[in-house]
Amino acid sequence: MPVKIRLQRHGKKGKPFYWVVAADARSKRDGRYLEKLGTYNPNTNPATVNLKFDDIVNWLDKGAQPTDTARTLLSYKGIMLKHHLNGGVRKGALTQEVADKKLTAWLEEKEAKVQAKKDGLSKSEFDVKSKRLAEEKEISKKRLADVTAPEAEEAAPIKEETAPVKKEAVPVKEEAAPVKEEATPVKEEAAPVKEEAAPAKEETAPVKKEAAPTKKSTE
């Protein structure tokens, strides 16, 4: 039975997540499989690859054939190199100790490259975030200035318009003064009434003078 090492798709729409499986070559891509050998997540940067190193090497030694995409992942993790070195050991081209040293050196070099890439990505992401933050601060300051400027312009005319209101209130007090002045002529008209009463007393005086001659005539 021919065995294929291939990817089986999982995950959501637009965010694929893959299993690396050993399956019968005649089965469907996402159908039954013989063994799950790892996972592959292309949604991260760099992509996350987790594989069962020894299990995959055993399948390769038994004759399993990886697909093109699966072969790329196996080479990325050094599994194809391990399989190649095992072939050299079986043929007697090199010893197991030499093969292990070569594999260890390759894995260390690969790990250093991956780590350098991660550090570079982290630094670039930090720079991008810092630049974006500075731009957002500038935009916020500009928006704040645009909002406060019209408010300051509107506040100045309001103070100037309130000043004439106080000046118009002064003539209201001046109009009340003539009301008191008109009340004074009322008292002056009452004075002639008393003066007319005086002649009435003067007329009674002649009546008493006429009574004197009547006494003389009786004598």
Protein backbone atom coordinates (compact mmCIF):
# COMPACT_ATOMS: atom_id res chain seq x y z
CA MET A 1 0.00 0.00 0.00
CA PRO A 2 1.60 3.33 -1.08
CA VAL A 3 1.75 5.87 1.77
CA LYS A 4 1.80 9.62 1.31
CA ILE A 5 2.92 12.22 3.84
CA ARG A 6 0.70 15.18 3.10
CA LEU A 7 -1.24 18.06 4.56
CA GLN A 8 -4.83 17.80 5.71
CA ARG A 9 -6.69 21.10 5.87
CA HIS A 10 -8.50 22.31 8.99
CA GLY A 11 -9.30 25.72 10.47
CA LYS A 12 -11.72 28.47 9.49
CA LYS A 13 -12.44 30.03 6.12
CA GLY A 14 -9.61 32.41 5.24
CA LYS A 15 -7.48 31.08 8.14
CA PRO A 16 -6.34 27.59 7.19
CA PHE A 17 -4.64 25.28 9.66
CA TYR A 18 -3.06 22.04 8.49
CA TRP A 19 -2.29 18.65 9.95
CA VAL A 20 0.69 16.70 8.59
CA VAL A 21 -0.49 13.11 8.26
CA ALA A 22 0.60 9.78 6.85
CA ALA A 23 -2.28 8.49 4.74
CA ASP A 24 -3.09 6.02 2.01
CA ALA A 25 -2.37 7.60 -1.36
CA ARG A 26 -5.81 6.47 -2.60
CA SER A 27 -7.76 8.22 0.18
CA LYS A 28 -9.15 11.74 -0.10
CA ARG A 29 -7.09 14.69 0.99
CA ASP A 30 -9.17 15.36 4.10
CA GLY A 31 -10.26 11.75 4.55
CA ARG A 32 -8.96 8.97 6.78
CA TYR A 33 -5.27 8.91 7.70
CA LEU A 34 -2.92 6.39 9.26
CA GLU A 35 -1.10 8.67 11.70
CA LYS A 36 -1.00 12.34 12.59
CA LEU A 37 2.61 13.51 12.37
CA GLY A 38 2.41 17.22 13.21
CA THR A 39 0.81 20.59 12.46
CA TYR A 40 1.48 23.56 10.21
CA ASN A 41 0.08 27.04 10.88
CA PRO A 42 0.75 29.57 8.07
CA ASN A 43 -1.15 32.36 9.85
CA THR A 44 1.86 33.34 12.01
CA ASN A 45 5.06 35.08 10.95
CA PRO A 46 7.21 33.06 10.61
CA ALA A 47 4.95 30.06 10.09
CA THR A 48 4.63 27.64 12.99
CA VAL A 49 5.68 24.06 12.17
CA ASN A 50 5.51 21.29 14.77
CA LEU A 51 6.53 17.81 13.57
CA LYS A 52 7.28 14.44 15.13
CA PHE A 53 10.85 14.13 13.97
CA ASP A 54 11.58 10.44 14.60
CA ASP A 55 8.14 9.20 13.51
CA ILE A 56 8.39 10.95 10.16
CA VAL A 57 11.92 9.60 9.63
CA ASN A 58 10.61 6.09 10.25
CA TRP A 59 7.84 6.57 7.66
CA LEU A 60 10.36 7.88 5.15
CA ASP A 61 12.67 4.93 5.80
CA LYS A 62 9.72 2.60 5.12
CA GLY A 63 9.15 4.20 1.72
CA ALA A 64 6.50 6.87 2.39
CA GLN A 65 6.58 9.69 -0.16
CA PRO A 66 5.91 13.30 0.89
CA THR A 67 4.00 15.69 -1.33
CA ASP A 68 5.78 18.81 -2.59
CA THR A 69 4.40 21.02 0.19
CA ALA A 70 5.07 18.40 2.85
CA ARG A 71 8.65 17.93 1.54
CA THR A 72 9.26 21.68 1.98
CA LEU A 73 8.15 21.49 5.61
CA LEU A 74 10.27 18.39 6.26
CA SER A 75 13.32 20.08 4.76
CA TYR A 76 12.65 23.17 6.87
CA LYS A 77 12.89 21.05 10.02
CA GLY A 78 15.90 18.99 8.85
CA ILE A 79 13.93 15.74 8.53
CA MET A 80 14.87 15.22 4.90
CA LEU A 81 18.55 15.73 5.82
CA LYS A 82 18.22 13.15 8.58
CA HIS A 83 16.68 10.69 6.11
CA HIS A 84 19.51 11.34 3.65
CA LEU A 85 22.19 10.81 6.34
CA ASN A 86 20.52 7.59 7.43
CA GLY A 87 20.81 6.36 3.86
CA GLY A 88 24.53 7.18 3.90
CA VAL A 89 24.99 5.28 7.17
CA ARG A 90 23.23 2.23 5.76
CA LYS A 91 25.47 2.29 2.71
CA GLY A 92 28.58 2.73 4.88
CA ALA A 93 29.51 6.11 3.41
CA LEU A 94 29.74 7.62 6.93
CA THR A 95 29.35 6.61 10.53
CA GLN A 96 26.38 7.33 12.73
CA GLU A 97 28.48 9.70 14.88
CA VAL A 98 29.48 11.81 11.90
CA ALA A 99 25.91 11.86 10.66
CA ASP A 100 24.68 13.08 14.07
CA LYS A 101 27.29 15.86 14.18
CA LYS A 102 26.34 17.09 10.72
CA LEU A 103 22.67 17.08 11.66
CA THR A 104 23.32 18.94 14.93
CA ALA A 105 25.41 21.61 13.19
CA TRP A 106 22.74 22.11 10.53
CA LEU A 107 19.95 22.39 13.13
CA GLU A 108 21.92 24.97 15.15
CA GLU A 109 22.58 27.06 12.06
CA LYS A 110 18.93 26.83 11.03
CA GLU A 111 17.76 27.81 14.50
CA ALA A 112 20.07 30.85 14.47
CA LYS A 113 18.64 31.97 11.13
CA VAL A 114 15.07 31.54 12.35
CA GLN A 115 15.81 33.45 15.55
CA ALA A 116 17.45 36.27 13.61
CA LYS A 117 14.40 36.48 11.40
CA LYS A 118 12.12 36.63 14.46
CA ASP A 119 14.26 39.37 16.02
CA GLY A 120 14.23 41.34 12.80
CA LEU A 121 10.48 41.01 12.53
CA SER A 122 10.04 42.06 16.17
CA LYS A 123 12.21 45.13 15.65
CA SER A 124 10.44 46.10 12.43
CA GLU A 125 7.06 45.61 14.09
CA PHE A 126 8.19 47.77 17.01
CA ASP A 127 9.35 50.50 14.63
CA VAL A 128 6.10 50.35 12.70
CA LYS A 129 4.04 50.54 15.89
CA SER A 130 6.12 53.47 17.19
CA LYS A 131 5.72 55.34 13.93
CA ARG A 132 1.99 54.64 13.86
CA LEU A 133 1.63 55.81 17.45
CA ALA A 134 3.45 59.06 16.69
CA GLU A 135 1.21 59.66 13.67
CA GLU A 136 -1.90 59.02 15.73
CA LYS A 137 -0.71 61.52 18.36
CA GLU A 138 -0.17 64.17 15.70
CA ILE A 139 -3.62 63.53 14.27
CA SER A 140 -5.16 63.79 17.76
CA LYS A 141 -3.42 67.12 18.41
CA LYS A 142 -4.59 68.48 15.07
CA ARG A 143 -8.17 67.41 15.70
CA LEU A 144 -8.09 68.96 19.19
CA ALA A 145 -6.78 72.23 17.76
CA ASP A 146 -9.50 72.24 15.07
CA VAL A 147 -12.20 71.70 17.70
CA THR A 148 -10.98 74.30 20.24
CA ALA A 149 -10.32 77.09 17.71
CA PRO A 150 -13.99 77.68 16.69
CA GLU A 151 -15.06 77.57 20.35
CA ALA A 152 -12.58 80.33 21.24
CA GLU A 153 -13.76 82.47 18.32
CA GLU A 154 -17.41 82.08 19.33
CA ALA A 155 -16.70 82.93 22.97
CA ALA A 156 -15.17 86.37 22.16
CA PRO A 157 -18.28 87.94 20.44
CA ILE A 158 -20.50 86.76 23.28
CA LYS A 159 -18.62 88.96 25.80
CA GLU A 160 -18.77 92.01 23.52
CA GLU A 161 -22.51 91.68 22.99
CA THR A 162 -23.25 91.54 26.72
CA ALA A 163 -21.64 94.97 27.36
CA PRO A 164 -24.34 97.08 25.54
CA VAL A 165 -27.03 95.40 27.64
CA LYS A 166 -25.68 97.10 30.78
CA LYS A 167 -25.51 100.52 29.05
CA GLU A 168 -29.16 100.36 27.97
CA ALA A 169 -30.27 99.81 31.55
CA VAL A 170 -29.09 103.36 32.56
CA PRO A 171 -31.83 105.36 30.68
CA VAL A 172 -34.50 103.38 32.52
CA LYS A 173 -33.49 105.06 35.81
CA GLU A 174 -33.39 108.57 34.22
CA GLU A 175 -36.99 108.32 33.02
CA ALA A 176 -38.20 107.66 36.55
CA ALA A 177 -36.96 111.11 37.76
CA PRO A 178 -39.60 113.28 35.95
CA VAL A 179 -42.36 111.37 37.75
CA LYS A 180 -41.32 112.96 41.06
CA GLU A 181 -41.06 116.47 39.55
CA GLU A 182 -44.65 116.40 38.31
CA ALA A 183 -45.93 115.68 41.80
CA THR A 184 -44.70 119.06 43.18
CA PRO A 185 -47.23 121.32 41.36
CA VAL A 186 -50.05 119.54 43.17
CA LYS A 187 -48.93 121.03 46.49
CA GLU A 188 -48.59 124.55 45.06
CA GLU A 189 -52.22 124.63 43.86
CA ALA A 190 -53.49 123.86 47.34
CA ALA A 191 -52.03 127.14 48.71
CA PRO A 192 -54.53 129.56 47.04
CA VAL A 193 -57.42 127.81 48.77
CA LYS A 194 -56.24 129.07 52.14
CA GLU A 195 -55.72 132.64 50.87
CA GLU A 196 -59.35 132.93 49.70
CA ALA A 197 -60.61 132.14 53.17
CA ALA A 198 -58.93 135.24 54.60
CA PRO A 199 -61.30 137.85 53.00
CA ALA A 200 -64.27 136.16 54.63
CA LYS A 201 -63.06 137.27 58.07
CA GLU A 202 -62.49 140.83 56.93
CA GLU A 203 -66.11 141.22 55.80
CA THR A 204 -67.47 140.40 59.24
CA ALA A 205 -65.59 143.27 60.79
CA PRO A 206 -67.78 146.08 59.31
CA VAL A 207 -70.88 144.48 60.82
CA LYS A 208 -69.66 145.18 64.33
CA LYS A 209 -68.86 148.86 63.55
CA GLU A 210 -72.41 149.57 62.44
CA ALA A 211 -73.88 148.46 65.72
CA ALA A 212 -72.33 151.41 67.62
CA PRO A 213 -74.47 154.17 66.14
CA THR A 214 -77.67 152.43 67.21
CA LYS A 215 -76.81 152.94 70.87
CA LYS A 216 -76.35 156.69 70.42
CA SER A 217 -79.72 157.16 68.81
CA THR A 218 -81.50 155.78 71.80
CA GLU A 219 -80.06 158.44 73.99
